[in-house]
């Protein structure tokens, strides 16, 4: 990815486009997709649309019983157990997928947490970084042989405008010197973008392209760790929980950019890009507010992406993706 490539193209879709708009007329018969978080919020919208287009969708779920209920009416969907905070669980799920399929066309990392109380995972890793980034990193590395076996696989990971809150805290990524739930979220979202950049650099010769994206502002289960008063104070909802914030999207509109990233022919031969509103995002000025869109330069730095990749390999003990 070159910084010159990080600019909008002539997408026929926009911030108001829905998942159904993006998927209209597409036939994904014979394609296989893995969608983490594919049973609630944006993930549920994504799973429904991919399955309706004919794809076989595997939904790794921390709560399989809840997933089965949510997806009871969706044909062509398989649910397996996976907890992104438990690396043994990630490896077990990946082994099951590799034993069941000979290729994987789409890997969509939609599961995540936001602004959680301080949580420690594994040997003391900060929870949001571990779940949002390291768990997806390990899953992608484990499934890489299936992605490389497909004809033009895509990896799509949900980041956020929240990446503007902070770069990677290289000297203290696990907040051992004091925890801030929003900085921890922002760091995890920056990590999602850097992950996509380096995976794309490693995978493009195998036809594996990767994208990160901001889905927009949407009220879903992602806000479950926030109190109602916190959401009221931020101007997102009223005292009844009704969305009142400006420019908030519906879940279908929120799922649209991820589905566009997964399927758009306009992205053929492209990768390592950050997307928003069903288009490639521009590079943001460092002093502009995150609500004005764009991607920060530190989040698309190839050297930082390679550095994070090596850090993540060491943390997860994953096998390196073949170069």
Protein backbone atom coordinates (compact mmCIF):
# COMPACT_ATOMS: atom_id res chain seq x y z
CA UNK A 1 0.00 0.00 0.00
CA UNK A 2 1.23 3.48 -0.90
CA UNK A 3 -0.12 6.57 0.81
CA UNK A 4 -1.12 7.88 -2.63
CA UNK A 5 -3.57 4.97 -2.89
CA UNK A 6 -5.36 6.05 0.30
CA UNK A 7 -7.91 8.30 -1.40
CA UNK A 8 -11.55 7.87 -2.46
CA UNK A 9 -12.44 6.30 -5.77
CA UNK A 10 -15.65 6.44 -7.78
CA UNK A 11 -17.73 4.17 -5.57
CA UNK A 12 -21.41 4.03 -6.47
CA UNK A 13 -22.26 3.69 -2.77
CA UNK A 14 -22.15 6.13 0.14
CA UNK A 15 -22.65 6.60 3.88
CA UNK A 16 -26.39 6.00 3.50
CA UNK A 17 -26.07 2.80 1.45
CA UNK A 18 -27.37 -0.35 3.13
CA UNK A 19 -26.05 -3.87 3.19
CA UNK A 20 -28.85 -4.83 0.83
CA UNK A 21 -27.81 -2.07 -1.60
CA UNK A 22 -24.22 -3.30 -1.69
CA UNK A 23 -25.19 -6.96 -2.13
CA UNK A 24 -27.96 -6.48 -4.70
CA UNK A 25 -27.53 -8.91 -7.60
CA UNK A 26 -24.38 -10.59 -6.24
CA UNK A 27 -24.06 -14.37 -6.42
CA UNK A 28 -21.62 -15.86 -3.91
CA UNK A 29 -22.54 -19.49 -4.54
CA UNK A 30 -19.56 -21.72 -3.90
CA UNK A 31 -17.81 -19.11 -1.73
CA UNK A 32 -16.90 -19.75 1.88
CA UNK A 33 -16.72 -17.04 4.54
CA UNK A 34 -15.77 -16.87 8.21
CA UNK A 35 -17.46 -14.03 10.12
CA UNK A 36 -16.41 -13.46 13.72
CA UNK A 37 -19.18 -11.84 15.72
CA UNK A 38 -21.54 -12.98 13.00
CA UNK A 39 -24.55 -13.43 15.26
CA UNK A 40 -25.20 -9.94 16.62
CA UNK A 41 -25.15 -6.33 15.48
CA UNK A 42 -23.21 -5.67 12.29
CA UNK A 43 -22.00 -9.26 12.21
CA UNK A 44 -25.55 -10.60 12.10
CA UNK A 45 -26.41 -8.27 9.20
CA UNK A 46 -23.25 -9.44 7.44
CA UNK A 47 -23.95 -13.13 7.94
CA UNK A 48 -27.52 -12.78 6.71
CA UNK A 49 -26.45 -10.95 3.55
CA UNK A 50 -23.60 -13.32 2.69
CA UNK A 51 -25.79 -16.37 3.21
CA UNK A 52 -28.63 -14.84 1.18
CA UNK A 53 -26.17 -14.37 -1.68
CA UNK A 54 -25.32 -18.08 -1.58
CA UNK A 55 -22.14 -18.16 0.51
CA UNK A 56 -21.40 -20.86 3.06
CA UNK A 57 -20.82 -18.88 6.27
CA UNK A 58 -18.94 -20.15 9.32
CA UNK A 59 -19.70 -18.15 12.46
CA UNK A 60 -17.22 -18.64 15.31
CA UNK A 61 -19.07 -17.75 18.50
CA UNK A 62 -18.12 -17.27 22.14
CA UNK A 63 -21.77 -18.07 22.96
CA UNK A 64 -22.77 -20.81 20.49
CA UNK A 65 -26.26 -21.27 21.97
CA UNK A 66 -27.01 -17.56 21.55
CA UNK A 67 -25.63 -17.72 18.01
CA UNK A 68 -27.85 -20.68 17.11
CA UNK A 69 -30.92 -18.79 18.29
CA UNK A 70 -29.98 -15.62 16.41
CA UNK A 71 -29.22 -17.52 13.19
CA UNK A 72 -31.97 -20.12 13.39
CA UNK A 73 -33.61 -18.83 10.21
CA UNK A 74 -30.39 -18.44 8.20
CA UNK A 75 -29.64 -21.18 5.70
CA UNK A 76 -26.07 -22.08 4.79
CA UNK A 77 -24.62 -21.12 8.16
CA UNK A 78 -22.39 -23.18 10.46
CA UNK A 79 -21.67 -22.18 14.07
CA UNK A 80 -18.51 -23.22 15.90
CA UNK A 81 -17.18 -22.37 19.33
CA UNK A 82 -14.45 -19.71 19.60
CA UNK A 83 -13.35 -17.25 22.26
CA UNK A 84 -10.97 -14.62 20.88
CA UNK A 85 -9.54 -14.07 24.38
CA UNK A 86 -8.51 -17.74 24.61
CA UNK A 87 -5.77 -18.60 22.12
CA UNK A 88 -6.24 -22.36 22.61
CA UNK A 89 -9.87 -21.86 21.63
CA UNK A 90 -8.81 -19.89 18.53
CA UNK A 91 -6.46 -22.67 17.45
CA UNK A 92 -9.12 -25.35 18.05
CA UNK A 93 -11.65 -23.43 15.96
CA UNK A 94 -9.10 -22.89 13.18
CA UNK A 95 -8.27 -26.60 13.14
CA UNK A 96 -11.96 -27.43 12.82
CA UNK A 97 -12.30 -25.04 9.88
CA UNK A 98 -9.17 -26.43 8.17
CA UNK A 99 -10.46 -29.99 8.62
CA UNK A 100 -13.82 -29.03 7.08
CA UNK A 101 -12.84 -26.81 4.12
CA UNK A 102 -10.08 -26.74 1.53
CA UNK A 103 -10.19 -23.00 0.93
CA UNK A 104 -11.55 -19.79 2.44
CA UNK A 105 -12.68 -16.88 0.28
CA UNK A 106 -13.52 -14.36 3.01
CA UNK A 107 -12.38 -13.80 6.57
CA UNK A 108 -14.30 -10.99 8.24
CA UNK A 109 -13.24 -9.87 11.71
CA UNK A 110 -16.29 -8.10 13.14
CA UNK A 111 -16.32 -9.31 16.75
CA UNK A 112 -14.95 -6.86 19.28
CA UNK A 113 -15.25 -5.04 22.56
CA UNK A 114 -15.17 -1.33 23.36
CA UNK A 115 -14.33 0.78 26.40
CA UNK A 116 -14.33 -2.16 28.78
CA UNK A 117 -13.25 -2.08 32.42
CA UNK A 118 -9.63 -3.11 32.84
CA UNK A 119 -9.37 -6.78 31.92
CA UNK A 120 -6.28 -8.94 31.71
CA UNK A 121 -5.96 -11.83 29.26
CA UNK A 122 -3.41 -14.64 29.14
CA UNK A 123 -0.13 -13.58 30.77
CA UNK A 124 -1.51 -10.13 31.59
CA UNK A 125 -2.23 -8.62 28.19
CA UNK A 126 -4.67 -5.72 28.04
CA UNK A 127 -8.08 -7.17 27.13
CA UNK A 128 -9.19 -4.89 24.31
CA UNK A 129 -5.86 -5.28 22.50
CA UNK A 130 -5.93 -9.04 23.03
CA UNK A 131 -9.52 -9.57 21.86
CA UNK A 132 -9.83 -7.00 19.09
CA UNK A 133 -6.36 -7.49 17.63
CA UNK A 134 -4.37 -10.48 18.86
CA UNK A 135 -7.25 -12.98 18.66
CA UNK A 136 -8.03 -11.99 15.08
CA UNK A 137 -4.33 -11.92 14.22
CA UNK A 138 -3.91 -15.51 15.42
CA UNK A 139 -7.05 -16.67 13.62
CA UNK A 140 -5.87 -15.14 10.34
CA UNK A 141 -2.44 -16.71 10.63
CA UNK A 142 -3.93 -20.11 11.42
CA UNK A 143 -6.32 -19.89 8.47
CA UNK A 144 -3.81 -18.41 6.03
CA UNK A 145 -3.28 -21.68 4.09
CA UNK A 146 -7.00 -21.77 3.28
CA UNK A 147 -6.96 -18.10 2.23
CA UNK A 148 -3.95 -18.71 -0.03
CA UNK A 149 -5.74 -21.70 -1.59
CA UNK A 150 -8.68 -19.52 -2.70
CA UNK A 151 -8.83 -17.51 -5.89
CA UNK A 152 -8.55 -13.94 -4.63
CA UNK A 153 -9.35 -14.20 -0.92
CA UNK A 154 -10.09 -11.06 1.09
CA UNK A 155 -9.60 -10.38 4.78
CA UNK A 156 -11.74 -7.56 6.18
CA UNK A 157 -11.39 -6.33 9.75
CA UNK A 158 -13.57 -3.76 11.49
CA UNK A 159 -11.54 -0.90 12.92
CA UNK A 160 -13.05 2.45 13.93
CA UNK A 161 -12.64 6.20 13.74
CA UNK A 162 -11.59 5.64 17.34
CA UNK A 163 -8.13 4.77 16.04
CA UNK A 164 -7.60 8.56 16.06
CA UNK A 165 -7.38 8.42 19.86
CA UNK A 166 -3.88 6.98 19.86
CA UNK A 167 -1.04 5.32 17.99
CA UNK A 168 0.33 2.03 19.31
CA UNK A 169 1.78 2.66 22.77
CA UNK A 170 5.03 0.91 21.96
CA UNK A 171 6.53 1.43 25.42
CA UNK A 172 3.41 0.28 27.28
CA UNK A 173 0.91 -1.45 24.96
CA UNK A 174 -0.73 -3.31 27.85
CA UNK A 175 -1.30 -0.25 30.07
CA UNK A 176 0.78 -1.51 32.96
CA UNK A 177 1.38 2.07 34.11
CA UNK A 178 -2.31 3.06 34.30
CA UNK A 179 -5.42 2.06 32.38
CA UNK A 180 -7.61 4.28 30.21
CA UNK A 181 -10.49 2.42 28.57
CA UNK A 182 -10.78 4.79 25.60
CA UNK A 183 -7.07 4.89 24.85
CA UNK A 184 -7.04 1.09 25.07
CA UNK A 185 -9.88 0.96 22.56
CA UNK A 186 -8.16 3.44 20.25
CA UNK A 187 -4.91 1.47 20.33
CA UNK A 188 -6.74 -1.76 19.47
CA UNK A 189 -8.42 -0.07 16.51
CA UNK A 190 -5.09 1.31 15.26
CA UNK A 191 -3.73 -2.23 15.56
CA UNK A 192 -6.58 -3.51 13.36
CA UNK A 193 -5.52 -1.14 10.57
CA UNK A 194 -1.82 -1.93 10.85
CA UNK A 195 -2.65 -5.66 10.84
CA UNK A 196 -4.48 -5.34 7.53
CA UNK A 197 -1.62 -3.38 5.99
CA UNK A 198 1.04 -5.97 6.76
CA UNK A 199 -1.14 -8.98 6.05
CA UNK A 200 -1.80 -7.49 2.62
CA UNK A 201 1.92 -6.92 2.06
CA UNK A 202 2.65 -10.54 2.93
CA UNK A 203 -0.31 -12.05 1.15
CA UNK A 204 -0.76 -10.21 -2.13
CA UNK A 205 1.46 -12.62 -4.11
CA UNK A 206 -0.90 -15.40 -2.99
CA UNK A 207 -3.93 -13.32 -3.98
CA UNK A 208 -4.79 -12.58 -0.34
CA UNK A 209 -5.80 -8.93 0.06
CA UNK A 210 -6.70 -7.25 3.33
CA UNK A 211 -8.70 -4.17 4.31
CA UNK A 212 -9.62 -2.38 7.53
CA UNK A 213 -12.62 -0.11 7.88
CA UNK A 214 -14.69 2.25 9.96
CA UNK A 215 -18.29 1.04 9.81
CA UNK A 216 -19.70 4.36 11.04
CA UNK A 217 -21.44 5.35 14.23
CA UNK A 218 -24.03 2.72 15.13
CA UNK A 219 -25.67 1.73 18.39
CA UNK A 220 -25.25 -2.05 18.72
CA UNK A 221 -24.19 -4.45 21.44
CA UNK A 222 -20.69 -2.95 21.19
CA UNK A 223 -21.78 -0.30 23.71
CA UNK A 224 -22.77 -2.91 26.30
CA UNK A 225 -19.98 -1.90 28.71
CA UNK A 226 -21.13 1.73 28.72
CA UNK A 227 -23.84 3.00 31.03
CA UNK A 228 -26.90 4.71 29.62
CA UNK A 229 -25.74 7.94 31.24
CA UNK A 230 -22.38 7.74 29.46
CA UNK A 231 -24.17 7.41 26.13
CA UNK A 232 -26.51 10.31 27.00
CA UNK A 233 -23.56 12.49 27.98
CA UNK A 234 -21.90 11.81 24.63
CA UNK A 235 -25.09 12.83 22.80
CA UNK A 236 -25.65 9.41 21.31
CA UNK A 237 -29.04 8.55 22.85
CA UNK A 238 -31.76 10.16 24.93
CA UNK A 239 -32.90 9.03 28.39
CA UNK A 240 -35.02 6.31 26.78
CA UNK A 241 -32.08 4.89 24.82
CA UNK A 242 -33.38 6.23 21.51
CA UNK A 243 -30.61 7.20 19.10
CA UNK A 244 -30.44 10.98 18.68
CA UNK A 245 -26.80 11.45 17.64
CA UNK A 246 -26.07 13.11 14.32
CA UNK A 247 -24.96 10.88 11.44
CA UNK A 248 -25.67 7.61 13.23
CA UNK A 249 -26.27 4.68 10.89
CA UNK A 250 -28.65 1.75 11.05
CA UNK A 251 -27.05 -1.68 11.52
CA UNK A 252 -27.65 -2.39 7.82
CA UNK A 253 -25.86 0.82 6.83
CA UNK A 254 -23.10 -0.03 9.30
CA UNK A 255 -22.56 -3.44 7.70
CA UNK A 256 -22.46 -1.98 4.18
CA UNK A 257 -18.79 -0.92 4.11
CA UNK A 258 -17.57 -4.33 5.26
CA UNK A 259 -19.64 -6.09 2.64
CA UNK A 260 -18.41 -3.64 0.01
CA UNK A 261 -14.84 -4.40 1.07
CA UNK A 262 -15.54 -8.12 0.78
CA UNK A 263 -17.17 -8.06 -2.63
CA UNK A 264 -16.55 -4.89 -4.65
CA UNK A 265 -14.84 -5.34 -8.03
CA UNK A 266 -13.52 -1.78 -7.62
CA UNK A 267 -11.11 -3.18 -5.03
CA UNK A 268 -9.71 -5.85 -7.35
CA UNK A 269 -5.90 -5.64 -7.27
CA UNK A 270 -6.07 -3.28 -4.27
CA UNK A 271 -5.39 -3.93 -0.61
CA UNK A 272 -3.87 -2.66 2.61
CA UNK A 273 -6.36 0.22 2.62
CA UNK A 274 -8.63 1.80 5.23
CA UNK A 275 -12.23 2.24 4.12
CA UNK A 276 -15.26 4.22 5.28
CA UNK A 277 -18.73 4.94 3.87
CA UNK A 278 -18.29 2.31 1.12
CA UNK A 279 -15.19 3.99 -0.28
CA UNK A 280 -11.49 4.37 0.36
CA UNK A 281 -10.90 6.93 3.11
CA UNK A 282 -8.62 9.91 2.69
CA UNK A 283 -5.68 10.61 4.97
CA UNK A 284 -6.83 12.83 7.84
CA UNK A 285 -5.13 15.98 9.06
CA UNK A 286 -3.57 15.25 12.45
CA UNK A 287 -5.53 17.96 14.26
CA UNK A 288 -9.00 17.27 12.84
CA UNK A 289 -11.76 15.65 14.90
CA UNK A 290 -12.27 11.94 14.39
CA UNK A 291 -15.92 12.52 13.44
CA UNK A 292 -14.69 14.23 10.26
CA UNK A 293 -13.44 10.93 8.91
CA UNK A 294 -10.23 9.77 7.33
CA UNK A 295 -7.31 7.72 8.58
CA UNK A 296 -4.33 8.93 10.62
CA UNK A 297 -0.91 8.59 9.03
CA UNK A 298 0.49 6.61 11.97
CA UNK A 299 -2.14 3.93 11.34
CA UNK A 300 -1.01 3.35 7.75
CA UNK A 301 2.76 3.37 8.31
CA UNK A 302 4.21 0.18 6.76
CA UNK A 303 7.15 0.15 9.18
CA UNK A 304 4.82 0.35 12.17
CA UNK A 305 2.68 -2.41 10.60
CA UNK A 306 5.72 -4.69 10.31
CA UNK A 307 6.77 -3.88 13.88
CA UNK A 308 3.30 -4.71 15.22
CA UNK A 309 3.27 -7.93 13.19
CA UNK A 310 6.49 -9.09 14.83
CA UNK A 311 5.16 -8.12 18.28
CA UNK A 312 1.98 -10.08 17.58
CA UNK A 313 3.86 -13.16 16.38
CA UNK A 314 5.85 -13.18 19.60
CA UNK A 315 2.73 -12.69 21.75
CA UNK A 316 0.61 -15.39 20.10
CA UNK A 317 3.30 -17.91 19.17
CA UNK A 318 1.73 -18.10 15.73
CA UNK A 319 3.45 -19.57 12.72
CA UNK A 320 4.60 -16.77 10.40
CA UNK A 321 2.64 -16.25 7.20
CA UNK A 322 4.83 -17.49 4.31
CA UNK A 323 6.65 -14.64 2.58
